[in-house]
Amino acid sequence: MSLQFIETNLEEGVLTITLNRPDVLNSFNYGMAEEVQNAFKEAESNDEIRCVLLTANGKGFCAGQDLKEVTEIAKDPDRELGEVVHHTYNPIIKAIRTLEKPVICAVNGTAAGAGANIALACDMVFATEEAKFIQSFSNIGLIPDSGGTYILPRLIGLARATELTFTGRPVKSPEAVEMGMIYKSVPADELMNEAMALCRKFAKMPTRGYGLTKKGFNEGFNNDLETQLKLEADLQAEAGSTEDYHEGVAAFLEKRKPEFKGK
């Protein structure tokens, strides 16, 4: 299927999804949202894909919503802005968080609004030193969507999340690292090399276990301790039945390098 708004590439077990509307700072329209959603569906169903790298072309990562599109929606009295959230962003955030494979984000420039929160939903985030994360919703009277009210406070705490969402203050990537918002800030010319190197490493690791770990993290946001301990035991039992676990143990005993398959 031909792609109009994103680019995809599968190499060495890593599916790279590249947002490709650089002329509008990769802001989302319905078409791009559907292509991103379909790419994540492919990542879920294709066993050859062991890790996903999300990035973008151009000077910015993603400016959030294409306001021209929502302006058109606003002209129709039978439609509301929540339709955009349901159609565009909720499925993407769910896909990132429920995909039982690592999702790494390489932020090449400004990530604003939904663009920032899509990045923050990923398992690990690299960003160039000049990249900025902006909770720009308050500037036009909106609330953080795309998981912003859920993920951001859990990453940096309620007080900091409140400050950033109320003020819309841009946060450069070094500060984002300091407050625990993202994983690593790197020079622009090293961004893709560093992110891809980690993705290639993960693609050779026991990614089935990574997926179960991710599931445990997701559930842990809401479970009490007793429930979470029970879940850990259940997930550990599932991990212990995987091919990767048996290969890892065998390789350790045989003093050789394991060959994991993500199964």
Protein backbone atom coordinates (compact mmCIF):
# COMPACT_ATOMS: atom_id res chain seq x y z
CA MET A 1 0.00 0.00 0.00
CA SER A 2 1.38 3.40 -0.96
CA LEU A 3 1.96 5.89 1.84
CA GLN A 4 1.27 9.60 1.54
CA PHE A 5 2.03 11.02 4.98
CA ILE A 6 4.60 8.69 6.57
CA GLU A 7 7.54 6.54 5.52
CA THR A 8 8.27 3.05 6.81
CA ASN A 9 11.35 0.85 6.63
CA LEU A 10 12.00 -2.61 8.07
CA GLU A 11 15.64 -3.52 8.58
CA GLU A 12 17.37 -5.87 11.02
CA GLY A 13 14.13 -6.41 12.90
CA VAL A 14 13.51 -2.67 13.41
CA LEU A 15 10.47 -0.99 11.86
CA THR A 16 11.16 2.71 11.43
CA ILE A 17 8.05 4.88 11.19
CA THR A 18 8.86 8.38 9.95
CA LEU A 19 6.29 11.18 10.04
CA ASN A 20 6.52 12.89 6.67
CA ARG A 21 4.62 16.17 6.52
CA PRO A 22 7.64 18.44 7.10
CA ASP A 23 6.03 21.45 5.42
CA VAL A 24 3.55 21.63 8.34
CA LEU A 25 5.97 20.39 11.03
CA ASN A 26 4.43 16.92 10.74
CA SER A 27 1.12 18.00 12.23
CA PHE A 28 -1.50 15.28 12.19
CA ASN A 29 -4.41 15.06 9.80
CA TYR A 30 -6.75 12.09 9.53
CA GLY A 31 -4.71 10.56 6.74
CA MET A 32 -1.44 10.56 8.64
CA ALA A 33 -3.14 9.22 11.75
CA GLU A 34 -4.55 6.27 9.81
CA GLU A 35 -1.17 5.49 8.27
CA VAL A 36 0.55 5.56 11.67
CA GLN A 37 -2.17 3.35 13.17
CA ASN A 38 -1.79 0.85 10.31
CA ALA A 39 1.99 0.81 10.76
CA PHE A 40 1.57 -0.14 14.42
CA LYS A 41 -0.92 -2.85 13.45
CA GLU A 42 1.75 -4.25 11.15
CA ALA A 43 4.26 -4.11 14.00
CA GLU A 44 1.88 -6.11 16.16
CA SER A 45 1.15 -8.82 13.63
CA ASN A 46 4.54 -9.21 11.92
CA ASP A 47 6.93 -11.47 13.85
CA GLU A 48 9.86 -10.12 11.85
CA ILE A 49 9.38 -6.78 13.59
CA ARG A 50 11.08 -6.89 16.97
CA CYS A 51 11.32 -3.16 17.75
CA VAL A 52 9.75 0.09 16.49
CA LEU A 53 11.52 3.42 16.00
CA LEU A 54 9.26 6.47 15.66
CA THR A 55 10.82 9.63 14.22
CA ALA A 56 10.11 12.42 11.72
CA ASN A 57 11.47 14.27 8.71
CA GLY A 58 12.24 17.97 8.64
CA LYS A 59 13.03 20.52 11.32
CA GLY A 60 10.37 19.46 13.82
CA PHE A 61 9.10 16.19 15.22
CA CYS A 62 5.40 16.99 15.37
CA ALA A 63 3.43 20.19 15.96
CA GLY A 64 0.35 18.26 17.07
CA GLN A 65 -2.96 18.67 15.32
CA ASP A 66 -3.33 20.20 11.87
CA LEU A 67 -5.50 23.16 12.86
CA LYS A 68 -6.77 23.60 9.31
CA GLU A 69 -8.49 20.24 9.58
CA VAL A 70 -10.16 20.99 12.92
CA THR A 71 -11.26 24.39 11.63
CA GLU A 72 -13.21 22.57 8.93
CA ILE A 73 -14.70 20.22 11.51
CA ALA A 74 -15.77 23.19 13.63
CA LYS A 75 -17.89 24.49 10.75
CA ASP A 76 -20.15 21.44 11.05
CA PRO A 77 -22.58 21.81 14.01
CA ASP A 78 -22.97 18.03 14.19
CA ARG A 79 -19.27 17.43 14.83
CA GLU A 80 -17.05 18.18 17.85
CA LEU A 81 -13.35 18.30 18.67
CA GLY A 82 -13.55 15.10 20.68
CA GLU A 83 -14.05 13.29 17.38
CA VAL A 84 -10.44 14.13 16.44
CA VAL A 85 -9.11 12.77 19.73
CA HIS A 86 -11.08 9.53 19.39
CA HIS A 87 -10.16 9.01 15.75
CA THR A 88 -6.58 10.27 15.62
CA TYR A 89 -4.77 10.15 18.94
CA ASN A 90 -6.39 7.61 21.24
CA PRO A 91 -5.73 4.68 18.89
CA ILE A 92 -2.08 5.71 18.47
CA ILE A 93 -1.44 6.02 22.22
CA LYS A 94 -3.13 2.68 22.84
CA ALA A 95 -1.09 1.08 20.06
CA ILE A 96 2.19 2.35 21.49
CA ARG A 97 1.44 1.32 25.06
CA THR A 98 -0.11 -2.07 24.29
CA LEU A 99 2.38 -3.19 21.63
CA GLU A 100 4.36 -5.92 23.37
CA LYS A 101 7.56 -4.84 21.68
CA PRO A 102 9.88 -1.90 22.45
CA VAL A 103 8.87 1.45 20.94
CA ILE A 104 11.69 4.00 20.82
CA CYS A 105 11.16 7.62 19.80
CA ALA A 106 13.81 9.86 18.18
CA VAL A 107 12.66 13.47 18.50
CA ASN A 108 14.46 15.57 15.89
CA GLY A 109 12.95 18.95 16.78
CA THR A 110 9.98 20.60 18.46
CA ALA A 111 7.32 18.23 19.79
CA ALA A 112 4.22 20.21 20.69
CA GLY A 113 0.75 19.35 21.91
CA ALA A 114 -0.26 15.87 20.82
CA GLY A 115 3.15 15.52 19.19
CA ALA A 116 4.84 15.82 22.57
CA ASN A 117 2.51 13.33 24.22
CA ILE A 118 2.83 10.77 21.45
CA ALA A 119 6.60 10.88 21.98
CA LEU A 120 6.23 10.58 25.75
CA ALA A 121 3.99 7.53 25.37
CA CYS A 122 6.92 5.63 23.84
CA ASP A 123 9.05 3.34 25.99
CA MET A 124 12.21 5.42 25.64
CA VAL A 125 12.77 8.84 24.07
CA PHE A 126 15.92 10.27 22.52
CA ALA A 127 15.91 13.94 21.53
CA THR A 128 18.32 16.39 19.98
CA GLU A 129 19.80 18.94 22.37
CA GLU A 130 17.76 21.72 20.72
CA ALA A 131 14.47 19.80 20.67
CA LYS A 132 11.65 21.28 22.72
CA PHE A 133 8.65 19.64 24.36
CA ILE A 134 5.66 21.96 24.62
CA GLN A 135 2.31 21.31 26.25
CA SER A 136 0.76 23.93 24.01
CA PHE A 137 -2.90 23.08 24.64
CA SER A 138 -3.52 25.88 27.15
CA ASN A 139 -2.52 28.48 24.58
CA ILE A 140 -5.76 27.83 22.72
CA GLY A 141 -7.95 26.91 25.69
CA LEU A 142 -7.69 23.12 25.43
CA ILE A 143 -6.62 20.35 27.78
CA PRO A 144 -3.71 17.92 27.25
CA ASP A 145 -4.90 14.93 25.25
CA SER A 146 -3.07 11.96 23.70
CA GLY A 147 -2.51 10.58 27.18
CA GLY A 148 -1.12 13.87 28.47
CA THR A 149 -3.17 13.95 31.65
CA TYR A 150 -2.23 10.33 32.34
CA ILE A 151 1.39 9.85 31.30
CA LEU A 152 2.98 13.25 31.97
CA PRO A 153 2.21 13.41 35.74
CA ARG A 154 3.50 9.88 36.12
CA LEU A 155 6.77 10.80 34.43
CA ILE A 156 7.53 14.09 36.17
CA GLY A 157 5.05 14.44 39.04
CA LEU A 158 1.82 16.39 39.38
CA ALA A 159 3.38 19.75 40.32
CA ARG A 160 5.69 19.89 37.32
CA ALA A 161 3.02 18.54 34.99
CA THR A 162 0.62 21.22 36.17
CA GLU A 163 3.19 23.96 35.63
CA LEU A 164 4.03 22.83 32.12
CA THR A 165 0.43 22.34 31.02
CA PHE A 166 -0.87 25.57 32.55
CA THR A 167 1.97 27.77 31.26
CA GLY A 168 2.78 26.01 28.00
CA ARG A 169 6.47 26.62 28.75
CA PRO A 170 8.84 24.96 26.26
CA VAL A 171 11.20 22.42 27.81
CA LYS A 172 14.47 21.75 26.01
CA SER A 173 15.62 18.17 25.97
CA PRO A 174 18.46 18.51 28.55
CA GLU A 175 15.92 19.78 31.11
CA ALA A 176 13.48 17.07 30.03
CA VAL A 177 16.14 14.49 30.88
CA GLU A 178 16.76 16.08 34.29
CA MET A 179 13.10 15.93 35.24
CA GLY A 180 12.68 12.35 34.02
CA MET A 181 10.49 13.20 31.06
CA ILE A 182 12.75 11.57 28.45
CA TYR A 183 15.66 9.14 28.35
CA LYS A 184 18.52 10.94 26.61
CA SER A 185 19.50 14.24 24.97
CA VAL A 186 22.06 13.97 22.16
CA PRO A 187 23.67 16.20 19.49
CA ALA A 188 21.53 16.41 16.36
CA ASP A 189 24.03 14.57 14.19
CA GLU A 190 24.08 11.62 16.61
CA LEU A 191 20.32 11.26 17.12
CA MET A 192 19.47 8.56 14.60
CA ASN A 193 22.68 6.62 15.09
CA GLU A 194 22.15 6.38 18.85
CA ALA A 195 18.44 5.59 18.61
CA MET A 196 18.92 3.02 15.87
CA ALA A 197 21.82 1.35 17.70
CA LEU A 198 19.58 0.78 20.72
CA CYS A 199 16.75 -0.48 18.52
CA ARG A 200 19.04 -2.97 16.80
CA LYS A 201 20.25 -4.15 20.20
CA PHE A 202 16.70 -4.59 21.46
CA ALA A 203 15.70 -6.42 18.27
CA LYS A 204 18.19 -9.16 19.18
CA MET A 205 17.07 -9.40 22.79
CA PRO A 206 14.21 -11.44 24.38
CA THR A 207 11.52 -9.04 23.22
CA ARG A 208 8.71 -11.29 24.42
CA GLY A 209 9.91 -10.59 27.94
CA TYR A 210 10.11 -6.89 27.14
CA GLY A 211 6.48 -7.00 26.08
CA LEU A 212 5.42 -8.67 29.33
CA THR A 213 7.47 -6.13 31.31
CA LYS A 214 5.69 -3.35 29.48
CA LYS A 215 2.35 -4.95 30.29
CA GLY A 216 3.33 -5.04 33.96
CA PHE A 217 4.28 -1.35 33.91
CA ASN A 218 0.96 -0.44 32.27
CA GLU A 219 -1.09 -2.33 34.86
CA GLY A 220 1.06 -1.04 37.70
CA PHE A 221 -0.13 2.50 37.08
CA ASN A 222 -3.48 1.57 38.60
CA ASN A 223 -3.06 -1.60 40.68
CA ASP A 224 -2.58 -1.80 44.42
CA LEU A 225 0.48 -3.69 45.68
CA GLU A 226 -1.26 -7.01 46.26
CA THR A 227 -2.83 -6.99 42.81
CA GLN A 228 0.45 -6.04 41.20
CA LEU A 229 2.38 -8.79 42.97
CA LYS A 230 -0.17 -11.31 41.73
CA LEU A 231 0.17 -9.93 38.22
CA GLU A 232 3.96 -10.18 38.40
CA ALA A 233 3.70 -13.86 39.32
CA ASP A 234 1.32 -14.49 36.42
CA LEU A 235 3.51 -12.61 33.94
CA GLN A 236 6.62 -14.39 35.23
CA ALA A 237 4.93 -17.73 34.65
CA GLU A 238 4.14 -16.64 31.10
CA ALA A 239 7.72 -15.42 30.56
CA GLY A 240 9.03 -18.71 31.89
CA SER A 241 7.18 -20.61 29.20
CA THR A 242 8.71 -18.66 26.29
CA GLU A 243 11.30 -19.93 23.85
CA ASP A 244 13.48 -16.95 24.75
CA TYR A 245 13.62 -17.97 28.41
CA HIS A 246 14.65 -21.52 27.59
CA GLU A 247 17.22 -20.26 25.10
CA GLY A 248 18.61 -17.79 27.62
CA VAL A 249 19.03 -20.44 30.31
CA ALA A 250 20.55 -22.93 27.86
CA ALA A 251 22.99 -20.33 26.55
CA PHE A 252 24.04 -19.42 30.09
CA LEU A 253 24.68 -23.05 31.04
CA GLU A 254 26.50 -23.72 27.78
CA LYS A 255 28.52 -20.49 28.09
CA ARG A 256 27.52 -19.21 24.67
CA LYS A 257 25.76 -16.16 23.28
CA PRO A 258 21.96 -16.62 23.20
CA GLU A 259 19.97 -16.33 19.99
CA PHE A 260 16.62 -14.88 20.96
CA LYS A 261 13.62 -14.92 18.62
CA GLY A 262 11.08 -12.83 20.50
CA LYS A 263 8.90 -15.88 21.09
